[in-house]
Amino acid sequence: MTVFAEITNPILFRLAVSSVFVLGAVFVIAGYYLRTKTRRLLGSALIAKSTVIGFETSMSPPGQTGVQHKVFYPIFTFRDAQGTEYRVRSGAGFAREKHKVGELIDVFYQPESPQQAIIDPKEYVQMAWILILSGIGAMVLAAAVLLKVQP
């Protein structure tokens, strides 16, 4: 059984490979945006102690195998410099409960938008690099295929 269909029309083939190149470029741009946004936040963020108070769970979209996984989003509370308490759901989800309820962790926030506070900024930077490198890989692969099939 063949997993990949053979594309016999050269125009469709180039279109498909070009789409992979464009998708790679989108990944690079998204990764760069995430990296820049995170670095900007960390450069001017205030740091406070926060307490993990629970988790919100959801199911991941089904992958190629159709399997879904539970994703855990930490919910934490913290007080800003003025003493106002905030309850925030992390934007980064994990395949397991990375933190324990009651655990004290650092939270990074901007005074003008404390509801957008983040924990584990390293995770955001790692995701940015995964996007950037995956995008570059897709672009290089697509370019190599297109150059190889040129008449």
Foldseek 3Di string as FASTA:
>chain_A
DDPDDDDPDVVVVLVVLVVLLVQLVVLQVVLVVLQVVLVVQVVQWDKWKKFFAAWDWDWDQQDPVRDIAIWTWTWIWTADPVRDIDIETAPDTDRDDPDDGGDIFMWTADPVCRNNIHGPSVVSNVSSVVSNVSSVVSNVVSVVVVVVPDD
